């Protein structure tokens, strides 16, 4: 293929790694000759930069589904969430009515320190008017992100204040939390949700464990639903917190990568309490390492649906211009020897990416009997329970997807941003009254009810956005809509954990976990 030839030329001419040397084989000589012939005789001029990127993308597309190429800009964006921080002014924001609105300043961040508060509208940044100009999220990042120590001058419109308020904000490191929420689900059961495995995940998780332990936690729900993975080291460190010493957590092995085993040590903070791990089809990679290790050692009950099935290890290989190849170099295996990687055909990334949707079409999201197990890959946990490899982590307790409250009317209200805009406007107009009425989240959670007047206002907002009223759809989704309204208000008044405290009690996997953790006899029966 021409693309492959071009790629080899690119590697030969522009890349050198300390650990890699390219010998002048006949194949590479052939590539060099082809490149010279193209350069000399091709009818049109060639954009070498674009040709290089296209060549790399084309080459990697012939390999496994997870080997890929990232441009310099993509590398920069990729590293932020996994590094656990970025540099900026530290606000959660929304663009509301073509105006940049502060949803909340990040606690301890530079904006909070100078006095910026939730509800403030940023209308001018360093002399540039930014209200009513069609501002996009990408524009906001360009304005507000920047090197630590640099200054940005903001002019803010605040409700109840006649004149604009000017703030000089010194940019700083802003943490990105991968432990998205933790709280006490019951007086003895803690809950922690990890949304990805980043450089700071382990320290965040330890802090969450310590806080929950101080509040009387005996057992834990670890929520890994929708967690796409991240750093292998973070997954190992989190797994270690649950295991006795010298237990194999994971091993990796590849054609040119010798077998590497990772074991637990004696420093785990939660080695005794009962554990339930929540997973679904969005749980991948590092999430599967954690759930697979705890399942193989019979240390936790896995609840939910079959995980994604990504068991390939990518090594980042930096190129000279700041771009990167992520090349698969090994597979990872759970303690019992399971490979979690689901089947794939080389060069067919489309079918691979659609596999999760095909599961739903075949009924796997709704019926446990519809799950296609790889019977040729049978393994056993420490307690001799049968588990399967070659297609993700199978839960010990299956929980079907809940679509009972879903309707196209609800979908459109969410998809067109109506609910989000409605909540922002509602909070903006009622924040003072709500904070006066509900001094604590517990008080809010116990007493706040979504009245019919609030539902009517949302329906009107949807109609104004040209979403046709659907009485049948409303009836089907009304409870779900009310729950979302309450949860979003809670998140705006407090923080993300309070959103989950409102939402989780309506989720079957969560309620099953609480039921199981409160029943040690049934819990032990499942694991033995």
Protein backbone atom coordinates (compact mmCIF):
# COMPACT_ATOMS: atom_id res chain seq x y z
CA UNK A 1 0.00 0.00 0.00
CA UNK A 2 1.29 3.53 -0.79
CA UNK A 3 0.35 4.73 2.69
CA UNK A 4 2.52 2.08 4.27
CA UNK A 5 5.42 2.95 1.99
CA UNK A 6 5.12 6.61 2.91
CA UNK A 7 5.01 5.78 6.57
CA UNK A 8 8.22 3.75 6.42
CA UNK A 9 9.90 6.66 4.66
CA UNK A 10 8.67 9.00 7.36
CA UNK A 11 10.03 6.75 10.09
CA UNK A 12 13.32 6.33 8.28
CA UNK A 13 13.93 10.01 7.62
CA UNK A 14 12.38 11.91 10.54
CA UNK A 15 12.31 9.68 13.63
CA UNK A 16 15.01 8.31 15.88
CA UNK A 17 14.49 6.59 19.20
CA UNK A 18 17.42 5.83 21.48
CA UNK A 19 16.26 2.26 21.86
CA UNK A 20 15.48 1.66 18.17
CA UNK A 21 17.84 1.46 15.22
CA UNK A 22 16.74 1.10 11.61
CA UNK A 23 18.97 -1.11 9.49
CA UNK A 24 19.16 -0.72 5.73
CA UNK A 25 17.12 -3.79 4.79
CA UNK A 26 15.94 -4.42 1.26
CA UNK A 27 12.44 -3.36 2.30
CA UNK A 28 13.63 0.01 3.59
CA UNK A 29 15.81 0.57 0.55
CA UNK A 30 12.75 -0.07 -1.56
CA UNK A 31 10.80 2.47 0.46
CA UNK A 32 13.54 5.07 0.08
CA UNK A 33 13.59 4.55 -3.67
CA UNK A 34 9.81 4.85 -3.87
CA UNK A 35 9.92 8.11 -1.91
CA UNK A 36 12.59 9.57 -4.19
CA UNK A 37 10.62 8.59 -7.26
CA UNK A 38 7.43 10.17 -5.88
CA UNK A 39 9.30 13.35 -4.91
CA UNK A 40 10.90 13.61 -8.34
CA UNK A 41 8.11 12.62 -10.71
CA UNK A 42 4.73 13.10 -9.00
CA UNK A 43 2.54 15.51 -10.96
CA UNK A 44 1.56 17.81 -8.05
CA UNK A 45 3.34 19.23 -5.04
CA UNK A 46 2.89 17.28 -1.80
CA UNK A 47 2.07 18.61 1.67
CA UNK A 48 4.70 16.65 3.56
CA UNK A 49 3.24 17.30 7.02
CA UNK A 50 -0.23 16.11 6.03
CA UNK A 51 1.27 13.21 4.10
CA UNK A 52 3.18 12.15 7.21
CA UNK A 53 0.09 12.22 9.41
CA UNK A 54 -2.02 10.40 6.84
CA UNK A 55 0.70 7.79 6.49
CA UNK A 56 0.88 7.13 10.21
CA UNK A 57 -2.89 6.97 10.56
CA UNK A 58 -3.12 4.61 7.59
CA UNK A 59 -0.40 2.31 8.93
CA UNK A 60 -1.85 2.10 12.42
CA UNK A 61 -5.34 1.51 11.07
CA UNK A 62 -4.10 -1.86 9.77
CA UNK A 63 -3.15 -2.99 13.27
CA UNK A 64 -5.31 -3.53 16.36
CA UNK A 65 -8.18 -1.16 17.29
CA UNK A 66 -6.23 0.67 20.00
CA UNK A 67 -2.98 1.56 18.26
CA UNK A 68 -3.46 5.13 17.11
CA UNK A 69 -1.89 8.48 16.27
CA UNK A 70 -2.32 11.77 18.12
CA UNK A 71 -1.35 15.16 16.75
CA UNK A 72 0.57 17.63 18.91
CA UNK A 73 -2.65 19.43 19.83
CA UNK A 74 -4.40 16.17 20.67
CA UNK A 75 -1.50 15.08 22.88
CA UNK A 76 -1.77 18.28 24.89
CA UNK A 77 -5.51 17.82 25.43
CA UNK A 78 -5.08 14.11 26.20
CA UNK A 79 -2.52 14.67 28.95
CA UNK A 80 -4.58 17.11 30.98
CA UNK A 81 -7.17 14.72 32.45
CA UNK A 82 -4.65 11.92 32.99
CA UNK A 83 -2.08 14.22 34.59
CA UNK A 84 -4.80 15.30 37.00
CA UNK A 85 -4.54 19.05 36.49
CA UNK A 86 -4.44 21.94 34.04
CA UNK A 87 -3.47 25.59 34.36
CA UNK A 88 -6.19 28.24 34.30
CA UNK A 89 -8.48 30.41 36.44
CA UNK A 90 -10.48 27.59 38.07
CA UNK A 91 -14.17 27.90 37.26
CA UNK A 92 -16.92 25.58 36.14
CA UNK A 93 -18.79 27.45 33.44
CA UNK A 94 -21.69 27.33 31.01
CA UNK A 95 -22.50 29.45 28.01
CA UNK A 96 -26.02 30.65 28.74
CA UNK A 97 -27.93 33.02 26.46
CA UNK A 98 -24.66 33.73 24.61
CA UNK A 99 -22.99 34.78 27.86
CA UNK A 100 -20.21 33.08 29.82
CA UNK A 101 -21.69 32.21 33.20
CA UNK A 102 -19.79 30.88 36.21
CA UNK A 103 -21.57 27.76 37.46
CA UNK A 104 -19.17 27.52 40.39
CA UNK A 105 -15.60 28.56 41.20
CA UNK A 106 -13.38 25.56 41.93
CA UNK A 107 -12.75 25.32 45.65
CA UNK A 108 -9.39 26.82 46.58
CA UNK A 109 -8.78 27.94 42.99
CA UNK A 110 -7.62 31.40 41.88
CA UNK A 111 -11.09 32.65 40.93
CA UNK A 112 -12.56 31.76 44.31
CA UNK A 113 -9.64 33.49 46.03
CA UNK A 114 -10.37 36.85 44.35
CA UNK A 115 -14.11 36.66 45.06
CA UNK A 116 -15.74 35.35 41.88
CA UNK A 117 -18.96 33.53 42.80
CA UNK A 118 -21.51 31.25 41.18
CA UNK A 119 -23.86 33.15 38.88
CA UNK A 120 -21.32 35.77 37.85
CA UNK A 121 -21.38 36.57 34.13
CA UNK A 122 -17.95 37.17 32.56
CA UNK A 123 -18.53 39.80 29.86
CA UNK A 124 -14.99 41.03 29.15
CA UNK A 125 -11.65 39.19 29.17
CA UNK A 126 -8.42 41.22 28.89
CA UNK A 127 -10.28 44.03 27.13
CA UNK A 128 -12.20 41.81 24.71
CA UNK A 129 -16.00 41.81 24.96
CA UNK A 130 -17.14 38.17 25.07
CA UNK A 131 -20.89 38.55 25.59
CA UNK A 132 -23.23 38.21 22.64
CA UNK A 133 -20.51 37.22 20.14
CA UNK A 134 -21.37 33.55 19.68
CA UNK A 135 -18.78 32.34 22.18
CA UNK A 136 -17.97 28.61 22.06
CA UNK A 137 -16.44 26.32 24.69
CA UNK A 138 -13.21 26.17 22.70
CA UNK A 139 -13.04 29.98 22.72
CA UNK A 140 -13.46 30.04 26.50
CA UNK A 141 -10.54 27.63 26.95
CA UNK A 142 -8.32 29.82 24.77
CA UNK A 143 -9.20 32.89 26.83
CA UNK A 144 -9.02 31.43 30.32
CA UNK A 145 -6.37 28.72 30.17
CA UNK A 146 -2.75 29.77 30.38
CA UNK A 147 0.57 29.30 32.11
CA UNK A 148 0.67 29.30 35.89
CA UNK A 149 1.51 32.78 37.18
CA UNK A 150 0.11 34.70 34.21
CA UNK A 151 -2.68 37.21 34.83
CA UNK A 152 -6.05 37.72 33.21
CA UNK A 153 -8.39 40.66 33.83
CA UNK A 154 -12.08 39.80 33.96
CA UNK A 155 -15.04 42.15 34.01
CA UNK A 156 -18.05 40.55 35.61
CA UNK A 157 -21.75 41.34 35.69
CA UNK A 158 -23.25 40.27 39.02
CA UNK A 159 -26.95 40.11 39.82
CA UNK A 160 -27.96 43.00 42.08
CA UNK A 161 -24.82 45.05 41.34
CA UNK A 162 -25.25 47.98 38.96
CA UNK A 163 -21.71 48.34 37.62
CA UNK A 164 -19.34 45.74 36.23
CA UNK A 165 -16.85 44.31 38.74
CA UNK A 166 -13.21 43.97 37.67
CA UNK A 167 -11.08 41.03 38.87
CA UNK A 168 -7.41 40.32 38.22
CA UNK A 169 -6.96 36.55 38.39
CA UNK A 170 -3.54 34.90 38.54
CA UNK A 171 -3.70 31.56 36.77
CA UNK A 172 -2.66 28.48 38.72
CA UNK A 173 -2.72 24.69 38.64
CA UNK A 174 -6.33 23.50 38.71
CA UNK A 175 -6.97 19.93 39.86
CA UNK A 176 -9.06 17.55 37.78
CA UNK A 177 -10.65 15.05 40.12
CA UNK A 178 -10.90 11.45 38.96
CA UNK A 179 -12.67 10.35 42.15
CA UNK A 180 -15.81 12.12 41.06
CA UNK A 181 -17.87 11.49 44.17
CA UNK A 182 -17.79 9.78 47.54
CA UNK A 183 -20.24 9.78 50.43
CA UNK A 184 -21.89 7.50 52.98
CA UNK A 185 -24.72 5.62 51.25
CA UNK A 186 -25.89 4.21 54.60
CA UNK A 187 -24.46 4.60 58.12
CA UNK A 188 -22.05 1.71 57.39
CA UNK A 189 -21.73 1.60 53.56
CA UNK A 190 -19.49 4.04 51.72
CA UNK A 191 -19.75 4.91 48.05
CA UNK A 192 -16.92 6.06 45.75
CA UNK A 193 -17.09 6.72 42.01
CA UNK A 194 -13.91 6.79 39.93
CA UNK A 195 -14.44 8.27 36.46
CA UNK A 196 -10.94 7.49 35.11
CA UNK A 197 -7.54 6.31 36.32
CA UNK A 198 -5.18 9.29 36.29
CA UNK A 199 -1.90 10.24 37.95
CA UNK A 200 -3.79 11.49 41.02
CA UNK A 201 -6.43 8.75 41.30
CA UNK A 202 -4.69 6.73 44.00
CA UNK A 203 -4.08 9.70 46.29
CA UNK A 204 -7.65 10.89 45.73
CA UNK A 205 -8.99 7.42 46.47
CA UNK A 206 -6.94 7.14 49.67
CA UNK A 207 -8.31 10.49 50.81
CA UNK A 208 -11.85 9.27 50.08
CA UNK A 209 -11.26 6.03 52.00
CA UNK A 210 -9.87 7.91 54.99
CA UNK A 211 -12.83 10.28 55.06
CA UNK A 212 -15.36 7.48 54.69
CA UNK A 213 -13.60 5.43 57.38
CA UNK A 214 -13.82 8.41 59.72
CA UNK A 215 -17.58 8.47 59.11
CA UNK A 216 -18.00 4.82 60.11
CA UNK A 217 -17.66 2.95 56.81
CA UNK A 218 -17.54 -0.83 57.15
CA UNK A 219 -18.32 -1.83 53.55
CA UNK A 220 -17.85 -0.10 50.19
CA UNK A 221 -19.51 0.36 46.81
CA UNK A 222 -16.84 1.10 44.17
CA UNK A 223 -18.51 2.55 41.09
CA UNK A 224 -16.54 2.02 37.85
CA UNK A 225 -19.49 2.35 35.47
CA UNK A 226 -18.53 4.30 32.36
CA UNK A 227 -14.87 4.46 33.43
CA UNK A 228 -12.80 4.12 30.21
CA UNK A 229 -9.54 3.37 32.00
CA UNK A 230 -6.28 5.32 32.10
CA UNK A 231 -2.97 4.61 33.77
CA UNK A 232 -2.14 0.98 34.51
CA UNK A 233 -0.16 2.04 37.60
CA UNK A 234 -3.22 3.79 39.04
CA UNK A 235 -5.33 0.65 38.58
CA UNK A 236 -2.67 -1.42 40.33
CA UNK A 237 -2.45 1.05 43.24
CA UNK A 238 -6.23 1.13 43.71
CA UNK A 239 -6.46 -2.68 43.56
CA UNK A 240 -3.73 -2.90 46.17
CA UNK A 241 -5.93 -1.12 48.72
CA UNK A 242 -8.26 -4.15 48.84
CA UNK A 243 -5.83 -7.07 48.81
CA UNK A 244 -3.63 -8.85 51.31
CA UNK A 245 0.09 -8.74 50.55
CA UNK A 246 1.77 -10.73 47.78
CA UNK A 247 -1.36 -11.19 45.69
CA UNK A 248 -0.91 -10.98 41.90
CA UNK A 249 -2.94 -8.02 40.59
CA UNK A 250 -2.18 -8.13 36.87
CA UNK A 251 0.52 -9.22 34.47
CA UNK A 252 1.40 -8.01 30.99
CA UNK A 253 3.15 -9.86 28.17
CA UNK A 254 3.85 -9.28 24.50
CA UNK A 255 6.01 -10.42 21.61
CA UNK A 256 8.84 -8.04 22.51
CA UNK A 257 7.64 -7.22 26.03
CA UNK A 258 8.72 -9.77 28.66
CA UNK A 259 6.17 -10.88 31.23
CA UNK A 260 5.80 -8.29 34.00
CA UNK A 261 3.84 -9.11 37.15
CA UNK A 262 2.44 -6.64 39.68
CA UNK A 263 1.74 -7.79 43.23
CA UNK A 264 0.00 -6.24 46.21
CA UNK A 265 1.94 -5.18 49.28
CA UNK A 266 0.98 -4.97 52.93
CA UNK A 267 -0.20 -1.36 52.82
CA UNK A 268 -3.81 -1.79 51.68
CA UNK A 269 -6.27 0.40 53.59
CA UNK A 270 -9.43 -1.64 52.98
CA UNK A 271 -8.50 -5.33 53.16
CA UNK A 272 -11.38 -6.57 55.33
CA UNK A 273 -14.70 -4.90 54.56
CA UNK A 274 -17.21 -6.23 52.03
CA UNK A 275 -16.94 -4.68 48.56
CA UNK A 276 -19.32 -4.37 45.61
CA UNK A 277 -17.93 -3.14 42.29
CA UNK A 278 -20.33 -1.64 39.74
CA UNK A 279 -19.43 -2.04 36.05
CA UNK A 280 -21.11 -1.75 32.67
CA UNK A 281 -20.29 -1.83 28.96
CA UNK A 282 -18.47 1.52 29.36
CA UNK A 283 -16.00 0.12 31.93
CA UNK A 284 -12.74 -0.57 30.12
CA UNK A 285 -9.01 -1.17 30.45
CA UNK A 286 -7.85 -0.06 33.92
CA UNK A 287 -11.41 -0.52 35.22
CA UNK A 288 -11.27 -4.11 34.06
CA UNK A 289 -7.90 -4.63 35.74
CA UNK A 290 -9.37 -3.58 39.08
CA UNK A 291 -12.63 -5.50 38.75
CA UNK A 292 -10.83 -8.55 37.32
CA UNK A 293 -8.28 -8.66 40.14
CA UNK A 294 -10.92 -8.30 42.86
CA UNK A 295 -13.11 -10.92 41.19
CA UNK A 296 -10.27 -13.41 40.74
CA UNK A 297 -9.29 -13.11 44.42
CA UNK A 298 -12.99 -13.30 45.45
CA UNK A 299 -12.48 -9.95 47.15
CA UNK A 300 -15.58 -8.25 45.72
CA UNK A 301 -18.91 -9.02 44.12
CA UNK A 302 -19.11 -7.52 40.62
CA UNK A 303 -22.54 -6.07 39.80
CA UNK A 304 -23.87 -4.75 36.50
CA UNK A 305 -23.26 -5.73 32.89
CA UNK A 306 -20.32 -7.16 30.92
CA UNK A 307 -17.48 -4.68 30.63
CA UNK A 308 -16.08 -3.31 27.37
CA UNK A 309 -13.26 -5.84 26.85
CA UNK A 310 -10.01 -3.87 26.34
CA UNK A 311 -6.98 -5.88 27.38
CA UNK A 312 -4.27 -4.38 25.18
CA UNK A 313 -1.39 -2.29 26.55
CA UNK A 314 -0.42 0.83 24.58
CA UNK A 315 3.02 2.39 24.82
CA UNK A 316 3.23 6.11 24.00
CA UNK A 317 6.01 6.78 21.47
CA UNK A 318 6.70 10.50 21.14
CA UNK A 319 7.55 11.91 17.71
CA UNK A 320 9.82 14.88 17.09
CA UNK A 321 7.08 17.45 16.49
CA UNK A 322 5.25 16.71 19.76
CA UNK A 323 2.82 14.26 18.22
CA UNK A 324 2.57 10.69 19.44
CA UNK A 325 1.93 7.12 18.42
CA UNK A 326 0.23 4.88 20.95
CA UNK A 327 1.38 1.43 19.91
CA UNK A 328 0.03 -1.80 21.36
CA UNK A 329 2.99 -3.74 22.74
CA UNK A 330 1.42 -6.31 25.08
CA UNK A 331 -1.74 -7.80 26.51
CA UNK A 332 -2.71 -7.70 30.14
CA UNK A 333 -4.01 -10.68 32.08
CA UNK A 334 -5.93 -11.00 35.34
CA UNK A 335 -4.52 -13.11 38.21
CA UNK A 336 -6.32 -16.24 36.98
CA UNK A 337 -4.73 -15.84 33.53
CA UNK A 338 -7.70 -14.28 31.76
CA UNK A 339 -7.16 -11.99 28.81
CA UNK A 340 -9.95 -9.43 28.94
CA UNK A 341 -9.50 -8.32 25.31
CA UNK A 342 -12.56 -9.03 23.17
CA UNK A 343 -12.07 -10.41 19.64
CA UNK A 344 -11.15 -8.07 16.79
CA UNK A 345 -10.15 -8.30 13.16
CA UNK A 346 -6.99 -6.42 12.24
CA UNK A 347 -7.73 -3.33 10.20
CA UNK A 348 -11.46 -3.41 11.01
CA UNK A 349 -11.88 -0.72 13.63
CA UNK A 350 -15.42 0.15 12.57
CA UNK A 351 -16.97 -3.18 13.52
CA UNK A 352 -14.94 -3.21 16.72
CA UNK A 353 -16.23 0.20 17.77
CA UNK A 354 -19.81 -0.85 17.03
CA UNK A 355 -19.58 -4.08 19.02
CA UNK A 356 -21.13 -2.56 22.16
CA UNK A 357 -24.16 -1.43 20.16
CA UNK A 358 -24.47 -4.89 18.64
CA UNK A 359 -24.67 -6.31 22.17
CA UNK A 360 -27.75 -4.19 22.78
CA UNK A 361 -29.31 -5.23 19.47
CA UNK A 362 -28.87 -8.87 20.48
CA UNK A 363 -30.52 -8.20 23.83
CA UNK A 364 -27.46 -8.48 26.04
CA UNK A 365 -28.25 -5.25 27.84
CA UNK A 366 -31.57 -6.66 28.98
CA UNK A 367 -31.25 -10.45 29.27
CA UNK A 368 -28.36 -12.26 30.94
CA UNK A 369 -28.98 -15.32 28.76
CA UNK A 370 -28.14 -13.24 25.69
CA UNK A 371 -24.52 -12.78 26.76
CA UNK A 372 -22.10 -14.58 24.45
CA UNK A 373 -19.55 -16.30 26.65
CA UNK A 374 -16.27 -17.55 25.25
CA UNK A 375 -16.57 -21.14 26.48
CA UNK A 376 -13.09 -21.90 25.16
CA UNK A 377 -11.57 -19.58 27.77
CA UNK A 378 -12.61 -20.96 31.14
CA UNK A 379 -10.71 -19.90 34.26
CA UNK A 380 -11.23 -20.17 37.99
CA UNK A 381 -11.05 -17.68 40.82
CA UNK A 382 -9.20 -18.31 44.07
CA UNK A 383 -12.37 -19.96 45.47
CA UNK A 384 -12.75 -22.07 42.31
CA UNK A 385 -15.58 -20.04 40.84
CA UNK A 386 -15.83 -20.31 37.05
CA UNK A 387 -15.03 -17.14 35.09
CA UNK A 388 -14.46 -16.49 31.39
CA UNK A 389 -11.82 -14.64 29.42
CA UNK A 390 -11.70 -13.15 25.95
CA UNK A 391 -14.52 -10.66 26.21
CA UNK A 392 -14.53 -8.33 29.20
CA UNK A 393 -15.43 -8.94 32.83
CA UNK A 394 -18.67 -10.81 33.45
CA UNK A 395 -20.53 -9.56 36.53
CA UNK A 396 -21.43 -11.91 39.37
CA UNK A 397 -24.86 -10.25 39.50
CA UNK A 398 -26.38 -9.13 36.20
CA UNK A 399 -28.43 -5.92 36.14
CA UNK A 400 -30.32 -5.05 32.98
CA UNK A 401 -30.38 -1.58 31.46
CA UNK A 402 -33.32 0.43 32.72
CA UNK A 403 -35.21 2.15 29.90
CA UNK A 404 -38.56 2.26 31.67
CA UNK A 405 -38.48 6.04 32.07
CA UNK A 406 -36.88 6.87 28.74
CA UNK A 407 -38.84 8.53 25.93
CA UNK A 408 -37.97 10.46 22.79
CA UNK A 409 -39.47 13.55 24.46
CA UNK A 410 -37.05 13.26 27.40
CA UNK A 411 -34.20 12.50 24.98
CA UNK A 412 -34.84 15.68 23.00
CA UNK A 413 -35.07 17.83 26.13
CA UNK A 414 -31.65 16.55 27.18
CA UNK A 415 -30.03 16.46 23.72
CA UNK A 416 -31.00 20.00 22.80
CA UNK A 417 -29.66 21.35 26.10
CA UNK A 418 -33.08 22.49 27.31
CA UNK A 419 -32.87 20.94 30.77
CA UNK A 420 -29.37 22.28 31.39
CA UNK A 421 -30.32 25.83 30.34
CA UNK A 422 -33.49 25.63 32.39
CA UNK A 423 -31.61 24.66 35.55
CA UNK A 424 -28.98 27.37 35.07
CA UNK A 425 -31.72 29.99 34.68
CA UNK A 426 -33.66 28.64 37.64
CA UNK A 427 -30.60 28.67 39.92
CA UNK A 428 -29.66 32.13 38.72
CA UNK A 429 -33.09 33.47 39.70
CA UNK A 430 -33.59 31.50 42.92
CA UNK A 431 -30.11 30.83 44.37
CA UNK A 432 -30.51 33.22 47.32
CA UNK A 433 -33.94 31.85 48.25
CA UNK A 434 -32.79 28.22 47.90
CA UNK A 435 -29.70 28.77 50.04
CA UNK A 436 -31.82 30.47 52.67
CA UNK A 437 -34.44 27.68 52.61
CA UNK A 438 -31.97 24.75 52.63
CA UNK A 439 -28.90 25.31 54.77
CA UNK A 440 -27.55 21.79 54.15
CA UNK A 441 -27.78 19.21 51.40
CA UNK A 442 -29.37 16.72 53.77
CA UNK A 443 -32.15 19.18 54.45
CA UNK A 444 -32.56 19.80 50.71
CA UNK A 445 -32.57 16.08 49.89
CA UNK A 446 -35.19 15.36 52.54
CA UNK A 447 -37.55 18.24 51.83
CA UNK A 448 -37.17 19.54 48.28
CA UNK A 449 -39.90 18.42 45.89
CA UNK A 450 -40.18 19.27 42.21
CA UNK A 451 -43.54 21.03 42.11
CA UNK A 452 -45.84 20.98 39.11
CA UNK A 453 -45.12 24.67 38.48
CA UNK A 454 -41.46 23.79 37.89
CA UNK A 455 -42.42 21.01 35.48
CA UNK A 456 -44.75 23.37 33.63
CA UNK A 457 -41.92 25.88 33.27
CA UNK A 458 -39.63 23.19 31.83
CA UNK A 459 -42.32 22.07 29.38
CA UNK A 460 -42.72 25.68 28.23
CA UNK A 461 -38.95 26.00 27.83
CA UNK A 462 -38.99 22.88 25.67
CA UNK A 463 -41.85 24.25 23.55
CA UNK A 464 -39.98 27.53 23.08
CA UNK A 465 -37.06 25.44 21.79
CA UNK A 466 -39.45 23.90 19.23
CA UNK A 467 -39.62 20.52 20.94
CA UNK A 468 -43.13 19.27 20.31
CA UNK A 469 -45.05 18.45 23.47
CA UNK A 470 -45.58 14.72 23.89
CA UNK A 471 -48.06 13.90 26.65
CA UNK A 472 -47.38 10.17 26.48
CA UNK A 473 -43.64 10.76 26.59
CA UNK A 474 -44.01 13.14 29.52
CA UNK A 475 -46.04 10.63 31.46
CA UNK A 476 -43.43 7.93 30.87
CA UNK A 477 -40.47 10.15 31.76
CA UNK A 478 -41.94 12.45 34.42
CA UNK A 479 -40.32 10.71 37.40
CA UNK A 480 -36.96 10.60 35.63
CA UNK A 481 -37.22 14.28 34.69
CA UNK A 482 -38.07 15.28 38.25
CA UNK A 483 -35.15 13.31 39.59
CA UNK A 484 -32.79 14.98 37.12
CA UNK A 485 -34.11 18.43 37.98
CA UNK A 486 -33.53 17.84 41.69
CA UNK A 487 -30.10 16.30 41.10
CA UNK A 488 -28.93 19.16 38.87
CA UNK A 489 -30.14 21.75 41.35
CA UNK A 490 -28.22 19.91 44.07
CA UNK A 491 -25.06 19.89 41.95
CA UNK A 492 -25.34 23.62 41.29
CA UNK A 493 -25.98 24.49 44.93
CA UNK A 494 -23.35 22.08 46.32
CA UNK A 495 -21.17 19.82 44.16
CA UNK A 496 -20.99 16.65 42.05
CA UNK A 497 -21.25 14.15 44.96
CA UNK A 498 -24.66 15.58 45.82
CA UNK A 499 -25.81 14.94 42.26
CA UNK A 500 -25.04 11.25 42.70
CA UNK A 501 -26.65 11.14 46.14
CA UNK A 502 -29.90 12.19 44.49
CA UNK A 503 -29.62 9.96 41.42
CA UNK A 504 -28.12 6.72 42.75
CA UNK A 505 -31.06 5.46 44.85
CA UNK A 506 -33.05 5.07 41.62
CA UNK A 507 -30.34 2.89 40.00
CA UNK A 508 -30.86 -0.86 40.38
CA UNK A 509 -27.16 -1.81 40.47
CA UNK A 510 -26.67 0.61 43.35
CA UNK A 511 -29.65 -0.60 45.35
CA UNK A 512 -28.66 -4.24 44.75
CA UNK A 513 -25.17 -3.44 46.05
CA UNK A 514 -26.58 -1.95 49.25
CA UNK A 515 -28.91 -4.91 49.69
CA UNK A 516 -26.05 -7.37 49.20
CA UNK A 517 -23.56 -5.58 51.45
CA UNK A 518 -26.17 -5.54 54.20
CA UNK A 519 -26.52 -9.33 53.87
CA UNK A 520 -23.17 -10.97 54.77
CA UNK A 521 -24.60 -14.49 54.37
CA UNK A 522 -25.67 -13.89 50.78
CA UNK A 523 -22.47 -11.97 50.04
CA UNK A 524 -20.26 -14.83 51.24
CA UNK A 525 -22.39 -17.37 49.42
CA UNK A 526 -21.76 -15.60 46.10
CA UNK A 527 -18.02 -15.61 46.64
CA UNK A 528 -17.65 -19.22 47.73
